[in-house]
Amino acid sequence: MVDVVVYTTPACSQCFSTKRMMDKKGIQYREVDLSKDLEKLEELRAKGHSQAPIVETDIKMWSGFRFDKINSLANYLFEKSEAA
């Protein structure tokens, strides 16, 4: 199984949209509120991310609401589960 983490901030509309689309696509994820994990926030900023949400998987990482990336991830997870 692929570990998917969605780093969010409070009152973030793009975070809400990302989580909602992942829920619709059946993508299981773990949410981390960056307002409660300042060490992780600084780590992600150091990697060049300046916008929430930040989505991290075993193979990719992106920031912002990315319809294309979420669809790609859903397809990848579906193909992986079919092969198992």
C-alpha atoms as a PDB file:
ATOM      1  CA  MET A   1       0.000   0.000   0.000  1.00  0.00           C
ATOM      2  CA  VAL A   2       1.164   3.500  -0.839  1.00  0.00           C
ATOM      3  CA  ASP A   3       1.435   5.907   2.074  1.00  0.00           C
ATOM      4  CA  VAL A   4      -0.304   9.189   1.209  1.00  0.00           C
ATOM      5  CA  VAL A   5       0.046  12.193   3.506  1.00  0.00           C
ATOM      6  CA  VAL A   6      -1.839  15.459   3.027  1.00  0.00           C
ATOM      7  CA  TYR A   7      -0.274  18.369   4.895  1.00  0.00           C
ATOM      8  CA  THR A   8      -2.926  21.008   5.539  1.00  0.00           C
ATOM      9  CA  THR A   9      -3.496  24.315   7.271  1.00  0.00           C
ATOM     10  CA  PRO A  10      -6.678  25.561   8.958  1.00  0.00           C
ATOM     11  CA  ALA A  11      -9.307  27.299   6.788  1.00  0.00           C
ATOM     12  CA  CYS A  12      -7.546  26.255   3.565  1.00  0.00           C
ATOM     13  CA  SER A  13     -10.012  25.896   0.692  1.00  0.00           C
ATOM     14  CA  GLN A  14      -7.494  24.084  -1.527  1.00  0.00           C
ATOM     15  CA  CYS A  15      -6.847  21.636   1.319  1.00  0.00           C
ATOM     16  CA  PHE A  16     -10.561  20.976   1.647  1.00  0.00           C
ATOM     17  CA  SER A  17     -10.930  20.475  -2.120  1.00  0.00           C
ATOM     18  CA  THR A  18      -7.960  18.101  -2.238  1.00  0.00           C
ATOM     19  CA  LYS A  19      -9.277  15.966   0.626  1.00  0.00           C
ATOM     20  CA  ARG A  20     -12.786  15.932  -0.835  1.00  0.00           C
ATOM     21  CA  MET A  21     -11.556  14.797  -4.248  1.00  0.00           C
ATOM     22  CA  MET A  22      -9.337  12.124  -2.674  1.00  0.00           C
ATOM     23  CA  ASP A  23     -12.327  10.890  -0.678  1.00  0.00           C
ATOM     24  CA  LYS A  24     -14.418  10.687  -3.866  1.00  0.00           C
ATOM     25  CA  LYS A  25     -11.632   8.793  -5.638  1.00  0.00           C
ATOM     26  CA  GLY A  26     -11.238   6.369  -2.712  1.00  0.00           C
ATOM     27  CA  ILE A  27      -7.685   7.446  -1.921  1.00  0.00           C
ATOM     28  CA  GLN A  28      -6.778   6.702   1.676  1.00  0.00           C
ATOM     29  CA  TYR A  29      -4.578   9.342   3.255  1.00  0.00           C
ATOM     30  CA  ARG A  30      -3.285  10.604   6.549  1.00  0.00           C
ATOM     31  CA  GLU A  31      -3.776  14.294   7.324  1.00  0.00           C
ATOM     32  CA  VAL A  32      -1.177  16.379   9.152  1.00  0.00           C
ATOM     33  CA  ASP A  33      -2.132  19.892  10.297  1.00  0.00           C
ATOM     34  CA  LEU A  34       0.962  22.025   9.747  1.00  0.00           C
ATOM     35  CA  SER A  35      -0.236  24.607  12.287  1.00  0.00           C
ATOM     36  CA  LYS A  36       0.366  21.910  14.915  1.00  0.00           C
ATOM     37  CA  ASP A  37       3.647  20.568  13.477  1.00  0.00           C
ATOM     38  CA  LEU A  38       5.906  23.578  12.962  1.00  0.00           C
ATOM     39  CA  GLU A  39       9.005  21.406  12.525  1.00  0.00           C
ATOM     40  CA  LYS A  40       7.411  19.673   9.522  1.00  0.00           C
ATOM     41  CA  LEU A  41       6.261  23.055   8.184  1.00  0.00           C
ATOM     42  CA  GLU A  42       9.839  24.339   8.213  1.00  0.00           C
ATOM     43  CA  GLU A  43      11.084  21.114   6.593  1.00  0.00           C
ATOM     44  CA  LEU A  44       8.566  21.459   3.748  1.00  0.00           C
ATOM     45  CA  ARG A  45       9.381  25.152   3.278  1.00  0.00           C
ATOM     46  CA  ALA A  46      13.063  24.230   3.022  1.00  0.00           C
ATOM     47  CA  LYS A  47      12.119  21.865   0.173  1.00  0.00           C
ATOM     48  CA  GLY A  48      10.532  24.826  -1.650  1.00  0.00           C
ATOM     49  CA  HIS A  49       6.856  24.301  -0.823  1.00  0.00           C
ATOM     50  CA  SER A  50       5.061  27.531   0.018  1.00  0.00           C
ATOM     51  CA  GLN A  51       1.415  26.602  -0.511  1.00  0.00           C
ATOM     52  CA  ALA A  52      -0.941  24.149   1.179  1.00  0.00           C
ATOM     53  CA  PRO A  53      -1.970  21.476   0.784  1.00  0.00           C
ATOM     54  CA  ILE A  54       1.213  19.526   0.240  1.00  0.00           C
ATOM     55  CA  VAL A  55       0.611  15.950  -0.822  1.00  0.00           C
ATOM     56  CA  GLU A  56       3.360  13.395  -0.310  1.00  0.00           C
ATOM     57  CA  THR A  57       3.430   9.790  -1.496  1.00  0.00           C
ATOM     58  CA  ASP A  58       6.161   7.181  -1.744  1.00  0.00           C
ATOM     59  CA  ILE A  59       6.918   8.365  -5.279  1.00  0.00           C
ATOM     60  CA  LYS A  60       5.802  12.005  -5.658  1.00  0.00           C
ATOM     61  CA  MET A  61       5.155  15.254  -3.873  1.00  0.00           C
ATOM     62  CA  TRP A  62       3.216  18.344  -4.907  1.00  0.00           C
ATOM     63  CA  SER A  63       1.578  21.411  -3.445  1.00  0.00           C
ATOM     64  CA  GLY A  64      -1.747  23.087  -4.109  1.00  0.00           C
ATOM     65  CA  PHE A  65      -4.986  21.593  -5.408  1.00  0.00           C
ATOM     66  CA  ARG A  66      -3.874  19.528  -8.412  1.00  0.00           C
ATOM     67  CA  PHE A  67      -6.777  17.790 -10.132  1.00  0.00           C
ATOM     68  CA  ASP A  68      -4.391  16.124 -12.609  1.00  0.00           C
ATOM     69  CA  LYS A  69      -2.074  14.766  -9.903  1.00  0.00           C
ATOM     70  CA  ILE A  70      -4.959  13.409  -7.810  1.00  0.00           C
ATOM     71  CA  ASN A  71      -6.401  11.633 -10.866  1.00  0.00           C
ATOM     72  CA  SER A  72      -2.982  10.216 -11.707  1.00  0.00           C
ATOM     73  CA  LEU A  73      -2.545   8.982  -8.133  1.00  0.00           C
ATOM     74  CA  ALA A  74      -6.015   7.393  -8.132  1.00  0.00           C
ATOM     75  CA  ASN A  75      -5.241   5.585 -11.400  1.00  0.00           C
ATOM     76  CA  TYR A  76      -1.879   4.393 -10.068  1.00  0.00           C
ATOM     77  CA  LEU A  77      -3.436   3.075  -6.850  1.00  0.00           C
ATOM     78  CA  PHE A  78      -6.235   1.351  -8.784  1.00  0.00           C
ATOM     79  CA  GLU A  79      -3.754  -0.361 -11.129  1.00  0.00           C
ATOM     80  CA  LYS A  80      -1.600  -1.384  -8.188  1.00  0.00           C
ATOM     81  CA  SER A  81      -4.582  -2.923  -6.355  1.00  0.00           C
ATOM     82  CA  GLU A  82      -5.666  -4.761  -9.527  1.00  0.00           C
ATOM     83  CA  ALA A  83      -2.212  -6.311  -9.875  1.00  0.00           C
ATOM     84  CA  ALA A  84      -2.163  -7.541  -6.277  1.00  0.00           C
END
